[in-house]
C-alpha cells in the first residue's frame, strides 16, 4: 500500500470518533483527594470515583482492606483507612484496581461492567465489545498510553468499516487494517498515526 493510500484512509477516518475515545473523555476518573485525621487517612471523594467507574463500595473497599492489610470503612461519600497512607501509596493501589477490575483489556476504556459467565467473572467493555476473564495478575506496568509507527502489535478485528476495512481498538486508538475480516486476530505493523487513528498492515 502506498503512502498516498495511507493518507487517504486516515483522511476518511479523521471525522470518526471511536467509542473508546468518547468513553474515556466522558469517564474521566477524578484524582483522589486525601487528608489525614489523627492516625487515619480519609479519601474525601471516594464515592465520586466509584460513581464514574461503576463499581460498588463493598467490593472496592474490600480490595483496599486486603492491599493495605488494615480495616477500612465507608462513611457517606468518604473512604476511611485506619492508618496513614501516602498519596503515592493510595494512587498505586487505585491504579492496580483500575487495571485489573475496570479498564478494558483490549482498548483500555474504563466504560466497562463486570458480568458473570458461568462460574467466571468477566470484564465486558461497552466501548469496543471485548470480553475477558478478570486476571488479578494482569501487568500494572504495561505502557498503554500510545502506539508507535513502525512497531508491531497483535490486534483482534472487532468490526468492518464502511469501505470494507477491518477495525480494531488498542490503547484508546482506532486501528484500521485493510484486508482483514471481523473476528480475525492478526499481527500488524503500524504505518501511519493521526489523532487517535492508525493505519496498520498485516505482517506476513
N, C-alpha and C. Protein backbone atom coordinates (compact mmCIF):
# COMPACT_ATOMS: atom_id res chain seq x y z
N UNK A 1 0.85 -1.20 0.00
CA UNK A 1 0.00 0.00 0.00
C UNK A 1 0.88 1.25 0.00
N UNK A 2 0.58 2.23 -0.84
CA UNK A 2 1.41 3.42 -0.97
C UNK A 2 1.14 4.40 0.15
N UNK A 3 2.07 5.38 0.31
CA UNK A 3 1.91 6.41 1.32
C UNK A 3 0.62 7.20 1.09
N UNK A 4 0.31 7.48 -0.19
CA UNK A 4 -0.91 8.22 -0.51
C UNK A 4 -2.16 7.46 -0.07
N UNK A 5 -2.11 6.13 -0.18
CA UNK A 5 -3.25 5.32 0.23
C UNK A 5 -3.45 5.40 1.74
N UNK A 6 -2.33 5.38 2.50
CA UNK A 6 -2.42 5.52 3.96
C UNK A 6 -3.03 6.87 4.31
N UNK A 7 -2.58 7.93 3.60
CA UNK A 7 -3.10 9.27 3.88
C UNK A 7 -4.60 9.34 3.60
N UNK A 8 -5.04 8.70 2.51
CA UNK A 8 -6.46 8.72 2.16
C UNK A 8 -7.28 8.02 3.23
N UNK A 9 -6.80 6.86 3.70
CA UNK A 9 -7.52 6.14 4.74
C UNK A 9 -7.62 6.96 6.01
N UNK A 10 -6.52 7.64 6.38
CA UNK A 10 -6.54 8.48 7.58
C UNK A 10 -7.50 9.65 7.40
N UNK A 11 -7.50 10.26 6.22
CA UNK A 11 -8.42 11.38 5.98
C UNK A 11 -9.87 10.93 6.04
N UNK A 12 -10.14 9.73 5.50
CA UNK A 12 -11.51 9.20 5.52
C UNK A 12 -11.96 8.93 6.95
N UNK A 13 -11.01 8.57 7.82
CA UNK A 13 -11.35 8.20 9.19
C UNK A 13 -11.25 9.36 10.16
N UNK A 14 -10.74 10.50 9.72
CA UNK A 14 -10.43 11.60 10.64
C UNK A 14 -11.65 12.20 11.30
N UNK A 15 -12.83 12.03 10.68
CA UNK A 15 -14.04 12.62 11.26
C UNK A 15 -14.82 11.62 12.11
N UNK A 16 -14.20 10.46 12.36
CA UNK A 16 -14.87 9.43 13.15
C UNK A 16 -14.24 9.37 14.52
N UNK A 17 -15.02 9.63 15.58
CA UNK A 17 -14.53 9.48 16.94
C UNK A 17 -14.84 8.06 17.41
N UNK A 18 -13.84 7.35 17.83
CA UNK A 18 -14.07 5.99 18.31
C UNK A 18 -14.87 6.03 19.60
N UNK A 19 -15.70 5.01 19.81
CA UNK A 19 -16.49 4.93 21.04
C UNK A 19 -15.58 4.89 22.25
N UNK A 20 -14.41 4.26 22.09
CA UNK A 20 -13.47 4.17 23.20
C UNK A 20 -13.00 5.55 23.63
N UNK A 21 -12.65 6.40 22.64
CA UNK A 21 -12.16 7.74 22.95
C UNK A 21 -13.25 8.56 23.62
N UNK A 22 -14.47 8.47 23.11
CA UNK A 22 -15.57 9.21 23.70
C UNK A 22 -15.79 8.77 25.14
N UNK A 23 -15.76 7.45 25.36
CA UNK A 23 -15.98 6.92 26.69
C UNK A 23 -14.95 7.41 27.67
N UNK A 24 -13.66 7.44 27.25
CA UNK A 24 -12.61 7.84 28.16
C UNK A 24 -12.71 9.32 28.50
N UNK A 25 -13.16 10.15 27.53
CA UNK A 25 -13.35 11.56 27.82
C UNK A 25 -14.51 11.74 28.79
N UNK A 26 -15.59 10.99 28.55
CA UNK A 26 -16.78 11.13 29.39
C UNK A 26 -16.54 10.55 30.78
N UNK A 27 -15.70 9.52 30.86
CA UNK A 27 -15.49 8.84 32.12
C UNK A 27 -14.13 9.18 32.71
N UNK A 28 -13.80 10.44 32.74
CA UNK A 28 -12.53 10.84 33.32
C UNK A 28 -12.57 10.62 34.83
N UNK A 29 -11.65 9.82 35.33
CA UNK A 29 -11.64 9.42 36.73
C UNK A 29 -11.05 10.54 37.59
N UNK A 30 -11.77 11.00 38.61
CA UNK A 30 -11.27 12.10 39.45
C UNK A 30 -9.99 11.71 40.19
N UNK A 31 -9.16 12.70 40.43
CA UNK A 31 -7.95 12.48 41.23
C UNK A 31 -8.36 12.32 42.69
N UNK A 32 -7.87 11.26 43.36
CA UNK A 32 -8.24 11.05 44.77
C UNK A 32 -7.82 12.23 45.64
N UNK A 33 -8.72 12.64 46.55
CA UNK A 33 -8.46 13.75 47.47
C UNK A 33 -8.25 13.17 48.87
N UNK A 34 -6.99 13.14 49.32
CA UNK A 34 -6.65 12.54 50.60
C UNK A 34 -6.40 13.58 51.67
N UNK A 35 -6.75 13.23 52.91
CA UNK A 35 -6.43 14.06 54.06
C UNK A 35 -6.20 13.14 55.26
N UNK A 36 -5.42 13.62 56.22
CA UNK A 36 -5.15 12.85 57.43
C UNK A 36 -5.95 13.40 58.60
N UNK A 37 -6.50 12.49 59.39
CA UNK A 37 -7.17 12.85 60.65
C UNK A 37 -6.62 11.91 61.72
N UNK A 38 -5.73 12.42 62.55
CA UNK A 38 -5.07 11.56 63.54
C UNK A 38 -4.26 10.49 62.85
N UNK A 39 -4.56 9.23 63.16
CA UNK A 39 -3.85 8.12 62.54
C UNK A 39 -4.59 7.56 61.32
N UNK A 40 -5.66 8.21 60.93
CA UNK A 40 -6.45 7.74 59.80
C UNK A 40 -6.17 8.55 58.54
N UNK A 41 -6.40 7.90 57.40
CA UNK A 41 -6.36 8.59 56.11
C UNK A 41 -7.75 8.56 55.51
N UNK A 42 -8.21 9.70 55.05
CA UNK A 42 -9.56 9.80 54.51
C UNK A 42 -9.49 10.19 53.03
N UNK A 43 -10.18 9.41 52.22
CA UNK A 43 -10.31 9.73 50.79
C UNK A 43 -11.66 10.42 50.63
N UNK A 44 -11.63 11.73 50.50
CA UNK A 44 -12.86 12.52 50.58
C UNK A 44 -13.81 12.30 49.40
N UNK A 45 -13.26 11.99 48.24
CA UNK A 45 -14.12 11.85 47.05
C UNK A 45 -14.19 10.39 46.58
N UNK A 46 -14.13 9.47 47.52
CA UNK A 46 -14.13 8.04 47.19
C UNK A 46 -15.35 7.64 46.37
N UNK A 47 -16.54 8.05 46.80
CA UNK A 47 -17.75 7.65 46.08
C UNK A 47 -17.87 8.35 44.73
N UNK A 48 -17.26 9.53 44.60
CA UNK A 48 -17.23 10.20 43.29
C UNK A 48 -16.48 9.33 42.28
N UNK A 49 -15.37 8.74 42.74
CA UNK A 49 -14.59 7.85 41.88
C UNK A 49 -15.40 6.61 41.51
N UNK A 50 -16.08 6.04 42.51
CA UNK A 50 -16.87 4.83 42.26
C UNK A 50 -18.05 5.10 41.34
N UNK A 51 -18.64 6.28 41.45
CA UNK A 51 -19.75 6.64 40.56
C UNK A 51 -19.29 6.63 39.10
N UNK A 52 -18.07 7.08 38.85
CA UNK A 52 -17.55 7.15 37.49
C UNK A 52 -17.21 5.75 36.96
N UNK A 53 -16.56 4.92 37.78
CA UNK A 53 -16.14 3.61 37.30
C UNK A 53 -17.21 2.54 37.44
N UNK A 54 -18.34 2.89 38.04
CA UNK A 54 -19.49 1.98 38.13
C UNK A 54 -19.16 0.69 38.88
N UNK A 55 -18.54 0.84 40.05
CA UNK A 55 -18.25 -0.31 40.90
C UNK A 55 -18.81 -0.04 42.29
N UNK A 56 -19.19 -1.09 43.02
CA UNK A 56 -19.82 -0.89 44.32
C UNK A 56 -18.78 -0.73 45.43
N UNK A 57 -19.15 0.02 46.46
CA UNK A 57 -18.21 0.35 47.54
C UNK A 57 -17.77 -0.87 48.32
N UNK A 58 -18.63 -1.89 48.41
CA UNK A 58 -18.27 -3.09 49.17
C UNK A 58 -17.06 -3.79 48.55
N UNK A 59 -17.11 -4.01 47.24
CA UNK A 59 -16.02 -4.73 46.57
C UNK A 59 -14.73 -3.91 46.56
N UNK A 60 -14.85 -2.61 46.31
CA UNK A 60 -13.64 -1.78 46.21
C UNK A 60 -13.00 -1.60 47.58
N UNK A 61 -13.82 -1.36 48.62
CA UNK A 61 -13.25 -1.20 49.96
C UNK A 61 -12.62 -2.50 50.44
N UNK A 62 -13.18 -3.65 50.05
CA UNK A 62 -12.60 -4.94 50.40
C UNK A 62 -11.22 -5.09 49.75
N UNK A 63 -11.09 -4.60 48.52
CA UNK A 63 -9.80 -4.63 47.83
C UNK A 63 -8.75 -3.82 48.59
N UNK A 64 -9.12 -2.60 49.01
CA UNK A 64 -8.17 -1.76 49.73
C UNK A 64 -7.85 -2.33 51.11
N UNK A 65 -8.82 -2.95 51.75
CA UNK A 65 -8.58 -3.58 53.05
C UNK A 65 -7.53 -4.68 52.91
N UNK A 66 -7.65 -5.49 51.87
CA UNK A 66 -6.69 -6.57 51.63
C UNK A 66 -5.31 -6.01 51.29
N UNK A 67 -5.26 -4.99 50.43
CA UNK A 67 -3.99 -4.45 49.97
C UNK A 67 -3.24 -3.71 51.08
N UNK A 68 -3.95 -2.96 51.91
CA UNK A 68 -3.29 -2.20 52.97
C UNK A 68 -3.15 -3.00 54.26
N UNK A 69 -3.85 -4.15 54.34
CA UNK A 69 -3.72 -5.01 55.50
C UNK A 69 -4.28 -4.41 56.78
N UNK A 70 -5.31 -3.59 56.65
CA UNK A 70 -5.91 -2.96 57.82
C UNK A 70 -7.36 -2.60 57.50
N UNK A 71 -8.16 -2.38 58.54
CA UNK A 71 -9.57 -2.09 58.35
C UNK A 71 -9.82 -0.78 57.61
N UNK A 72 -10.84 -0.78 56.77
CA UNK A 72 -11.30 0.43 56.09
C UNK A 72 -12.82 0.44 56.19
N UNK A 73 -13.42 1.59 56.11
CA UNK A 73 -14.88 1.66 56.08
C UNK A 73 -15.32 2.90 55.32
N UNK A 74 -16.54 2.82 54.82
CA UNK A 74 -17.12 3.92 54.04
C UNK A 74 -18.11 4.67 54.92
N UNK A 75 -17.91 5.99 55.00
CA UNK A 75 -18.83 6.86 55.73
C UNK A 75 -19.30 7.96 54.79
N UNK A 76 -20.57 7.90 54.45
CA UNK A 76 -21.07 8.87 53.47
C UNK A 76 -20.40 8.62 52.14
N UNK A 77 -19.70 9.65 51.64
CA UNK A 77 -19.01 9.53 50.37
C UNK A 77 -17.50 9.41 50.55
N UNK A 78 -17.09 9.13 51.77
CA UNK A 78 -15.66 9.06 52.08
C UNK A 78 -15.23 7.64 52.40
N UNK A 79 -13.97 7.33 52.07
CA UNK A 79 -13.35 6.09 52.49
C UNK A 79 -12.39 6.41 53.62
N UNK A 80 -12.50 5.69 54.72
CA UNK A 80 -11.62 5.90 55.87
C UNK A 80 -10.70 4.70 56.02
N UNK A 81 -9.40 4.95 55.95
CA UNK A 81 -8.38 3.91 56.10
C UNK A 81 -7.77 4.09 57.48
N UNK A 82 -7.72 3.03 58.26
CA UNK A 82 -7.33 3.14 59.67
C UNK A 82 -5.81 3.15 59.89
N UNK A 83 -5.12 3.83 59.03
CA UNK A 83 -3.69 4.14 59.22
C UNK A 83 -3.29 5.21 58.23
N UNK A 84 -2.10 5.76 58.40
CA UNK A 84 -1.63 6.79 57.49
C UNK A 84 -1.17 6.15 56.18
N UNK A 85 -1.67 6.69 55.09
CA UNK A 85 -1.33 6.22 53.74
C UNK A 85 -0.94 7.43 52.92
N UNK A 86 0.18 7.35 52.22
CA UNK A 86 0.60 8.47 51.39
C UNK A 86 -0.24 8.51 50.11
N UNK A 87 -0.25 9.66 49.47
CA UNK A 87 -0.97 9.81 48.22
C UNK A 87 -0.42 8.85 47.16
N UNK A 88 0.90 8.69 47.15
CA UNK A 88 1.52 7.79 46.19
C UNK A 88 1.10 6.34 46.43
N UNK A 89 1.04 5.93 47.70
CA UNK A 89 0.62 4.56 48.02
C UNK A 89 -0.81 4.31 47.57
N UNK A 90 -1.69 5.26 47.88
CA UNK A 90 -3.10 5.07 47.51
C UNK A 90 -3.27 5.05 46.00
N UNK A 91 -2.61 5.98 45.30
CA UNK A 91 -2.74 6.04 43.85
C UNK A 91 -2.23 4.77 43.18
N UNK A 92 -1.16 4.20 43.73
CA UNK A 92 -0.62 2.95 43.18
C UNK A 92 -1.64 1.83 43.31
N UNK A 93 -2.28 1.73 44.48
CA UNK A 93 -3.28 0.68 44.69
C UNK A 93 -4.53 0.93 43.85
N UNK A 94 -4.93 2.19 43.72
CA UNK A 94 -6.09 2.51 42.89
C UNK A 94 -5.80 2.14 41.43
N UNK A 95 -4.62 2.47 40.96
CA UNK A 95 -4.24 2.15 39.59
C UNK A 95 -4.27 0.63 39.37
N UNK A 96 -3.82 -0.11 40.37
CA UNK A 96 -3.84 -1.56 40.28
C UNK A 96 -5.28 -2.06 40.17
N UNK A 97 -6.19 -1.51 40.99
CA UNK A 97 -7.59 -1.92 40.92
C UNK A 97 -8.18 -1.60 39.55
N UNK A 98 -7.93 -0.39 39.07
CA UNK A 98 -8.47 0.02 37.77
C UNK A 98 -7.96 -0.89 36.66
N UNK A 99 -6.68 -1.23 36.72
CA UNK A 99 -6.07 -2.02 35.66
C UNK A 99 -6.62 -3.44 35.61
N UNK A 100 -6.95 -3.99 36.79
CA UNK A 100 -7.42 -5.37 36.85
C UNK A 100 -8.94 -5.46 36.72
N UNK A 101 -9.67 -4.56 37.40
CA UNK A 101 -11.11 -4.71 37.54
C UNK A 101 -11.96 -3.68 36.78
N UNK A 102 -11.33 -2.72 36.13
CA UNK A 102 -12.12 -1.68 35.46
C UNK A 102 -11.76 -1.52 33.99
N UNK A 103 -10.52 -1.25 33.67
CA UNK A 103 -10.14 -0.92 32.29
C UNK A 103 -10.27 -2.14 31.37
N UNK A 104 -10.77 -1.87 30.16
CA UNK A 104 -10.87 -2.91 29.15
C UNK A 104 -9.49 -3.46 28.81
N UNK A 105 -9.37 -4.77 28.72
CA UNK A 105 -8.09 -5.40 28.43
C UNK A 105 -7.68 -5.22 26.97
N UNK A 106 -8.60 -4.76 26.12
CA UNK A 106 -8.30 -4.54 24.71
C UNK A 106 -8.03 -3.07 24.40
N UNK A 107 -9.01 -2.20 24.72
CA UNK A 107 -8.89 -0.79 24.30
C UNK A 107 -8.60 0.17 25.44
N UNK A 108 -8.56 -0.35 26.68
CA UNK A 108 -8.20 0.45 27.86
C UNK A 108 -9.30 1.42 28.31
N UNK A 109 -10.48 1.33 27.74
CA UNK A 109 -11.57 2.21 28.16
C UNK A 109 -12.05 1.81 29.56
N UNK A 110 -12.40 2.81 30.40
CA UNK A 110 -12.97 2.50 31.72
C UNK A 110 -14.47 2.25 31.68
N UNK A 111 -15.07 2.33 30.50
CA UNK A 111 -16.52 2.16 30.36
C UNK A 111 -16.84 0.67 30.25
N UNK A 112 -16.75 -0.03 31.39
CA UNK A 112 -16.92 -1.48 31.40
C UNK A 112 -17.89 -1.90 32.50
N UNK A 113 -18.24 -3.16 32.49
CA UNK A 113 -19.04 -3.75 33.55
C UNK A 113 -18.53 -5.15 33.83
N UNK A 114 -18.71 -5.60 35.07
CA UNK A 114 -18.34 -6.97 35.43
C UNK A 114 -19.59 -7.83 35.40
N UNK A 115 -19.52 -8.91 34.62
CA UNK A 115 -20.66 -9.81 34.48
C UNK A 115 -20.21 -11.24 34.76
N UNK A 116 -21.16 -12.09 35.08
CA UNK A 116 -20.89 -13.49 35.38
C UNK A 116 -21.16 -14.33 34.14
N UNK A 117 -20.15 -15.08 33.71
CA UNK A 117 -20.30 -16.02 32.60
C UNK A 117 -20.04 -17.42 33.15
N UNK A 118 -21.12 -18.14 33.46
CA UNK A 118 -20.95 -19.42 34.14
C UNK A 118 -20.44 -19.18 35.54
N UNK A 119 -19.26 -19.71 35.85
CA UNK A 119 -18.66 -19.50 37.17
C UNK A 119 -17.56 -18.44 37.14
N UNK A 120 -17.40 -17.80 36.00
CA UNK A 120 -16.28 -16.87 35.83
C UNK A 120 -16.77 -15.43 35.73
N UNK A 121 -16.11 -14.52 36.48
CA UNK A 121 -16.38 -13.09 36.35
C UNK A 121 -15.55 -12.53 35.19
N UNK A 122 -16.22 -11.82 34.31
CA UNK A 122 -15.52 -11.25 33.16
C UNK A 122 -15.77 -9.75 33.08
N UNK A 123 -14.83 -9.04 32.46
CA UNK A 123 -15.00 -7.62 32.19
C UNK A 123 -15.53 -7.48 30.78
N UNK A 124 -16.68 -6.83 30.64
CA UNK A 124 -17.29 -6.59 29.33
C UNK A 124 -17.19 -5.10 29.01
N UNK A 125 -16.58 -4.77 27.88
CA UNK A 125 -16.36 -3.37 27.50
C UNK A 125 -17.55 -2.84 26.71
N UNK A 126 -18.08 -1.70 27.15
CA UNK A 126 -19.20 -1.08 26.45
C UNK A 126 -18.72 -0.27 25.24
N UNK A 127 -17.42 -0.01 25.17
CA UNK A 127 -16.87 0.78 24.08
C UNK A 127 -16.55 -0.08 22.86
N UNK A 128 -15.77 -1.16 23.07
CA UNK A 128 -15.34 -1.96 21.93
C UNK A 128 -15.98 -3.34 21.87
N UNK A 129 -16.69 -3.73 22.94
CA UNK A 129 -17.37 -5.02 22.94
C UNK A 129 -16.53 -6.19 23.39
N UNK A 130 -15.25 -5.95 23.71
CA UNK A 130 -14.38 -7.04 24.15
C UNK A 130 -14.83 -7.59 25.49
N UNK A 131 -14.52 -8.86 25.72
CA UNK A 131 -14.91 -9.52 26.96
C UNK A 131 -13.77 -10.44 27.39
N UNK A 132 -13.28 -10.26 28.64
CA UNK A 132 -12.15 -11.04 29.12
C UNK A 132 -12.37 -11.47 30.57
N UNK A 133 -11.97 -12.69 30.91
CA UNK A 133 -12.00 -13.09 32.33
C UNK A 133 -11.09 -12.17 33.14
N UNK A 134 -11.50 -11.85 34.36
CA UNK A 134 -10.69 -10.99 35.22
C UNK A 134 -9.39 -11.71 35.57
N UNK A 135 -8.27 -10.99 35.42
CA UNK A 135 -6.96 -11.57 35.69
C UNK A 135 -6.25 -10.74 36.75
N UNK A 136 -6.27 -11.18 38.03
CA UNK A 136 -5.60 -10.42 39.10
C UNK A 136 -4.11 -10.24 38.88
N UNK A 137 -3.50 -11.09 38.04
CA UNK A 137 -2.07 -11.00 37.79
C UNK A 137 -1.74 -10.10 36.60
N UNK A 138 -2.75 -9.42 36.07
CA UNK A 138 -2.53 -8.55 34.91
C UNK A 138 -1.44 -7.53 35.21
N UNK A 139 -0.55 -7.31 34.25
CA UNK A 139 0.57 -6.40 34.44
C UNK A 139 0.10 -4.98 34.70
N UNK A 140 0.66 -4.37 35.74
CA UNK A 140 0.34 -2.98 36.06
C UNK A 140 1.24 -2.02 35.30
N UNK A 141 2.43 -2.48 34.95
CA UNK A 141 3.44 -1.58 34.40
C UNK A 141 3.39 -1.42 32.89
N UNK A 142 2.49 -2.19 32.21
CA UNK A 142 2.45 -2.10 30.77
C UNK A 142 2.09 -0.68 30.32
N UNK A 143 2.77 -0.18 29.32
CA UNK A 143 2.53 1.18 28.82
C UNK A 143 1.34 1.15 27.87
N UNK A 144 0.22 1.72 28.29
CA UNK A 144 -0.98 1.74 27.45
C UNK A 144 -1.31 3.14 26.98
N UNK A 145 -0.32 4.02 26.99
CA UNK A 145 -0.58 5.41 26.64
C UNK A 145 -0.60 5.66 25.14
N UNK A 146 0.21 4.92 24.38
CA UNK A 146 0.30 5.23 22.97
C UNK A 146 0.85 4.06 22.18
N UNK A 147 0.64 4.12 20.87
CA UNK A 147 1.27 3.19 19.96
C UNK A 147 2.25 3.98 19.11
N UNK A 148 3.11 3.30 18.41
CA UNK A 148 4.15 3.98 17.65
C UNK A 148 4.21 3.47 16.22
N UNK A 149 4.50 4.36 15.29
CA UNK A 149 4.68 3.97 13.90
C UNK A 149 5.89 3.05 13.78
N UNK A 150 5.74 2.01 12.97
CA UNK A 150 6.83 1.08 12.76
C UNK A 150 6.86 -0.08 13.75
N UNK A 151 6.07 0.01 14.82
CA UNK A 151 6.02 -1.06 15.81
C UNK A 151 4.94 -2.08 15.43
N UNK A 152 5.11 -3.31 15.94
CA UNK A 152 4.16 -4.39 15.65
C UNK A 152 3.31 -4.70 16.87
N UNK A 153 2.03 -4.99 16.63
CA UNK A 153 1.09 -5.28 17.69
C UNK A 153 0.14 -6.39 17.23
N UNK A 154 -0.36 -7.15 18.19
CA UNK A 154 -1.38 -8.15 17.89
C UNK A 154 -2.74 -7.55 18.21
N UNK A 155 -3.64 -7.55 17.24
CA UNK A 155 -4.96 -6.96 17.42
C UNK A 155 -6.04 -7.93 16.94
N UNK A 156 -7.24 -7.74 17.47
CA UNK A 156 -8.39 -8.52 17.03
C UNK A 156 -9.36 -7.59 16.32
N UNK A 157 -9.76 -7.96 15.13
CA UNK A 157 -10.68 -7.14 14.34
C UNK A 157 -12.09 -7.26 14.93
N UNK A 158 -12.64 -6.12 15.35
CA UNK A 158 -13.94 -6.16 16.04
C UNK A 158 -15.09 -5.65 15.18
N UNK A 159 -14.75 -4.97 14.05
CA UNK A 159 -15.81 -4.51 13.17
C UNK A 159 -15.23 -4.21 11.79
N UNK A 160 -16.12 -4.07 10.82
CA UNK A 160 -15.72 -3.74 9.45
C UNK A 160 -16.24 -2.35 9.11
N UNK A 161 -15.35 -1.48 8.61
CA UNK A 161 -15.72 -0.11 8.27
C UNK A 161 -16.54 -0.03 6.99
N UNK A 162 -17.00 1.17 6.68
CA UNK A 162 -17.87 1.38 5.50
C UNK A 162 -17.17 1.03 4.19
N UNK A 163 -15.85 1.15 4.18
CA UNK A 163 -15.10 0.84 2.95
C UNK A 163 -14.59 -0.59 2.92
N UNK A 164 -15.02 -1.42 3.90
CA UNK A 164 -14.64 -2.82 3.91
C UNK A 164 -13.37 -3.12 4.68
N UNK A 165 -12.79 -2.09 5.31
CA UNK A 165 -11.55 -2.29 6.06
C UNK A 165 -11.84 -2.81 7.47
N UNK A 166 -10.95 -3.66 7.99
CA UNK A 166 -11.09 -4.14 9.35
C UNK A 166 -10.71 -3.07 10.34
N UNK A 167 -11.37 -3.08 11.50
CA UNK A 167 -11.10 -2.08 12.53
C UNK A 167 -10.93 -2.77 13.88
N UNK A 168 -9.97 -2.26 14.65
CA UNK A 168 -9.72 -2.78 15.98
C UNK A 168 -9.52 -1.61 16.93
N UNK A 169 -9.34 -1.91 18.22
CA UNK A 169 -9.05 -0.90 19.23
C UNK A 169 -7.80 -1.32 19.97
N UNK A 170 -6.95 -0.36 20.28
CA UNK A 170 -5.74 -0.65 21.03
C UNK A 170 -5.27 0.62 21.73
N UNK A 171 -5.16 0.55 23.08
CA UNK A 171 -4.66 1.67 23.88
C UNK A 171 -5.43 2.96 23.60
N UNK A 172 -6.73 2.84 23.30
CA UNK A 172 -7.53 4.03 23.04
C UNK A 172 -7.51 4.48 21.59
N UNK A 173 -6.75 3.80 20.72
CA UNK A 173 -6.68 4.15 19.31
C UNK A 173 -7.62 3.27 18.49
N UNK A 174 -8.11 3.82 17.38
CA UNK A 174 -8.80 3.02 16.38
C UNK A 174 -7.75 2.56 15.38
N UNK A 175 -7.63 1.24 15.20
CA UNK A 175 -6.64 0.68 14.28
C UNK A 175 -7.36 0.19 13.03
N UNK A 176 -6.98 0.72 11.88
CA UNK A 176 -7.58 0.34 10.61
C UNK A 176 -6.64 -0.63 9.91
N UNK A 177 -7.16 -1.82 9.60
CA UNK A 177 -6.33 -2.87 8.99
C UNK A 177 -7.01 -3.36 7.71
N UNK A 178 -6.61 -2.86 6.55
CA UNK A 178 -7.21 -3.30 5.29
C UNK A 178 -6.99 -4.80 5.05
N UNK A 179 -7.98 -5.43 4.40
CA UNK A 179 -7.83 -6.83 4.01
C UNK A 179 -8.06 -7.82 5.11
N UNK A 180 -8.74 -7.43 6.19
CA UNK A 180 -9.00 -8.36 7.29
C UNK A 180 -10.50 -8.54 7.48
N UNK A 181 -10.85 -9.59 8.23
CA UNK A 181 -12.25 -9.91 8.48
C UNK A 181 -12.56 -9.81 9.96
N UNK A 182 -13.82 -9.55 10.27
CA UNK A 182 -14.25 -9.46 11.66
C UNK A 182 -13.96 -10.77 12.39
N UNK A 183 -13.37 -10.66 13.59
CA UNK A 183 -13.05 -11.83 14.39
C UNK A 183 -11.63 -12.32 14.23
N UNK A 184 -10.93 -11.85 13.19
CA UNK A 184 -9.54 -12.25 12.99
C UNK A 184 -8.63 -11.63 14.04
N UNK A 185 -7.65 -12.41 14.50
CA UNK A 185 -6.57 -11.89 15.34
C UNK A 185 -5.29 -11.93 14.52
N UNK A 186 -4.68 -10.77 14.32
CA UNK A 186 -3.54 -10.69 13.40
C UNK A 186 -2.41 -9.86 13.99
N UNK A 187 -1.19 -10.16 13.54
CA UNK A 187 -0.03 -9.34 13.88
C UNK A 187 0.08 -8.26 12.82
N UNK A 188 0.12 -7.00 13.26
CA UNK A 188 0.16 -5.89 12.30
C UNK A 188 1.32 -4.96 12.60
N UNK A 189 1.72 -4.22 11.59
CA UNK A 189 2.72 -3.17 11.75
C UNK A 189 2.05 -1.83 11.49
N UNK A 190 2.19 -0.90 12.43
CA UNK A 190 1.57 0.42 12.29
C UNK A 190 2.36 1.26 11.29
N UNK A 191 1.66 1.77 10.28
CA UNK A 191 2.30 2.53 9.22
C UNK A 191 2.15 4.03 9.39
N UNK A 192 0.98 4.45 9.89
CA UNK A 192 0.71 5.88 9.99
C UNK A 192 -0.26 6.14 11.13
N UNK A 193 -0.03 7.23 11.87
CA UNK A 193 -0.90 7.59 13.00
C UNK A 193 -1.30 9.05 12.88
N UNK A 194 -2.57 9.29 13.18
CA UNK A 194 -3.03 10.68 13.23
C UNK A 194 -4.26 10.78 14.13
N UNK A 195 -4.16 11.62 15.19
CA UNK A 195 -5.30 11.99 16.03
C UNK A 195 -6.14 10.80 16.47
N UNK A 196 -5.49 9.81 17.10
CA UNK A 196 -6.22 8.69 17.66
C UNK A 196 -6.60 7.60 16.69
N UNK A 197 -6.18 7.74 15.43
CA UNK A 197 -6.45 6.72 14.42
C UNK A 197 -5.13 6.26 13.81
N UNK A 198 -4.98 4.96 13.58
CA UNK A 198 -3.76 4.43 12.98
C UNK A 198 -4.11 3.50 11.84
N UNK A 199 -3.26 3.53 10.80
CA UNK A 199 -3.36 2.59 9.70
C UNK A 199 -2.28 1.54 9.90
N UNK A 200 -2.68 0.27 9.83
CA UNK A 200 -1.72 -0.81 10.03
C UNK A 200 -1.83 -1.82 8.89
N UNK A 201 -0.77 -2.60 8.74
CA UNK A 201 -0.71 -3.60 7.69
C UNK A 201 -0.39 -4.95 8.30
N UNK A 202 -1.08 -5.97 7.85
CA UNK A 202 -0.83 -7.32 8.37
C UNK A 202 0.59 -7.74 8.05
N UNK A 203 1.28 -8.27 9.06
CA UNK A 203 2.64 -8.79 8.86
C UNK A 203 2.54 -10.21 8.36
N UNK A 204 3.09 -10.49 7.21
CA UNK A 204 3.00 -11.82 6.60
C UNK A 204 4.23 -12.65 6.93
